[in-house]
Each structure stands twice: as structure tokens, then as C-alpha cells.
Protein backbone atom coordinates (compact mmCIF):
# COMPACT_ATOMS: atom_id res chain seq x y z
CA MET A 1 -5.90 16.10 2.17
CA ASP A 2 -2.72 16.83 4.07
CA ASN A 3 0.31 15.27 2.35
CA SER A 4 1.89 14.44 5.70
CA ARG A 5 -0.76 11.76 6.24
CA LEU A 6 0.05 10.24 2.86
CA TYR A 7 3.77 10.27 3.63
CA GLU A 8 3.10 8.60 6.99
CA ALA A 9 1.08 5.91 5.23
CA ILE A 10 3.89 5.37 2.71
CA PHE A 11 6.43 5.09 5.52
CA ILE A 12 4.29 2.59 7.44
CA PHE A 13 3.59 0.61 4.27
CA ASP A 14 7.27 0.50 3.32
CA GLU A 15 8.47 -0.48 6.79
CA TYR A 16 5.76 -2.86 7.99
CA CYS A 17 3.76 -4.26 5.07
CA GLU A 18 4.86 -7.17 2.94
CA PRO A 19 3.41 -7.61 -0.55
CA TYR A 20 3.06 -11.16 -1.85
CA LYS A 21 1.88 -12.45 -5.22
CA LYS A 22 -1.66 -13.69 -5.52
CA GLN A 23 -2.09 -17.35 -6.35
CA ASP A 24 -4.41 -16.84 -9.34
CA ASN A 25 -1.69 -15.96 -11.90
CA THR A 26 -2.40 -12.24 -11.89
CA ASN A 27 0.10 -9.44 -11.68
CA ALA A 28 -1.47 -8.28 -8.42
CA TYR A 29 -0.04 -8.45 -4.92
CA SER A 30 -1.94 -8.64 -1.67
CA PHE A 31 -0.44 -7.61 1.66
CA SER A 32 0.34 -8.88 5.12
CA SER A 33 1.72 -7.10 8.15
CA SER A 34 2.63 -7.57 11.79
CA LEU A 35 0.86 -4.29 12.61
CA SER A 36 -2.40 -4.13 14.47
CA GLU A 37 -5.34 -4.56 12.12
CA ASN A 38 -6.57 -0.99 12.65
CA ILE A 39 -3.26 0.61 11.67
CA PHE A 40 -2.76 -1.82 8.79
CA ASN A 41 -6.21 -1.16 7.33
CA ALA A 42 -5.95 2.62 7.85
CA THR A 43 -2.65 2.64 5.97
CA LEU A 44 -4.09 0.65 3.07
CA ARG A 45 -7.22 2.85 2.95
CA LEU A 46 -5.07 6.00 2.69
CA LEU A 47 -3.01 4.51 -0.11
CA ALA A 48 -6.17 3.38 -1.94
CA ALA A 49 -7.70 6.85 -1.56
CA HIS A 50 -4.67 8.27 -3.40
CA ASN A 51 -4.88 5.56 -6.11
CA LEU A 52 -1.58 4.02 -5.06
CA ILE A 53 -3.17 0.62 -4.45
CA MET A 54 -6.53 -0.88 -5.44
CA TYR A 55 -9.49 -2.06 -3.39
CA GLU A 56 -11.29 -4.92 -5.13
CA ASP A 57 -13.34 -7.88 -3.95
CA SER A 58 -13.10 -6.82 -0.29
CA GLY A 59 -9.30 -6.72 -0.38
CA TYR A 60 -6.40 -4.41 -1.14
CA TYR A 61 -4.13 -5.18 -4.07
CA ALA A 62 -1.30 -3.56 -6.01
CA THR A 63 0.48 -4.15 -9.29
CA ASP A 64 4.18 -3.68 -9.96
CA GLU A 65 3.27 -0.24 -11.32
CA ASN A 66 1.50 0.68 -8.07
CA LEU A 67 4.48 -0.45 -5.98
CA LEU A 68 6.82 1.58 -8.20
CA LYS A 69 4.69 4.71 -7.65
CA ILE A 70 4.90 4.20 -3.89
CA LYS A 71 8.68 3.71 -4.12
CA ASN A 72 9.06 6.91 -6.17
CA LEU A 73 7.00 8.91 -3.68
CA LYS A 74 9.12 7.52 -0.86
CA PHE A 75 12.27 8.84 -2.57
CA LYS A 76 10.62 12.25 -3.01
CA MET A 77 9.90 12.33 0.72
CA LYS A 78 13.59 12.19 1.60
């Protein structure tokens, strides 16, 4: 897969998606965004395909480790 698509997804995620802690005392975050649902879901699917976030129970989640990987890739992009 073309890395430019991954970098676009990381940029969109970093700029427009907000992680928030789940309520069930796990270390996982779910996400919200002001983006249209199509763009939001496409971004999350790309990140999940590269194992940067997880897809479980019909939802996308990330741990602190996942968010750190995304942050490190963002710095490599610059």
C-alpha cells in the first residue's frame, strides 16, 4: 500500500479525531470527530489496516501504545 495514504490518515487523525477513555476501566480509547462519517471511518480503517489502532466489537479503539506509534510516525513524516 502507498505510504502517502497512511500519512494522510495519520494527519487527518491527528488534526480531527479526539480520543477519549472508555468507561469500562480499560486502557483503551475510542474516538470522536467533527468530520463526515465517511472520512472518519475511512481514516480509522486505514489506521487499523496498519495495526495502529484496533477494531473490536464493531468499534475502533487504541491504547496508549497505539497512540504513541501514531505520534512517532507523525514526527517521521515531517
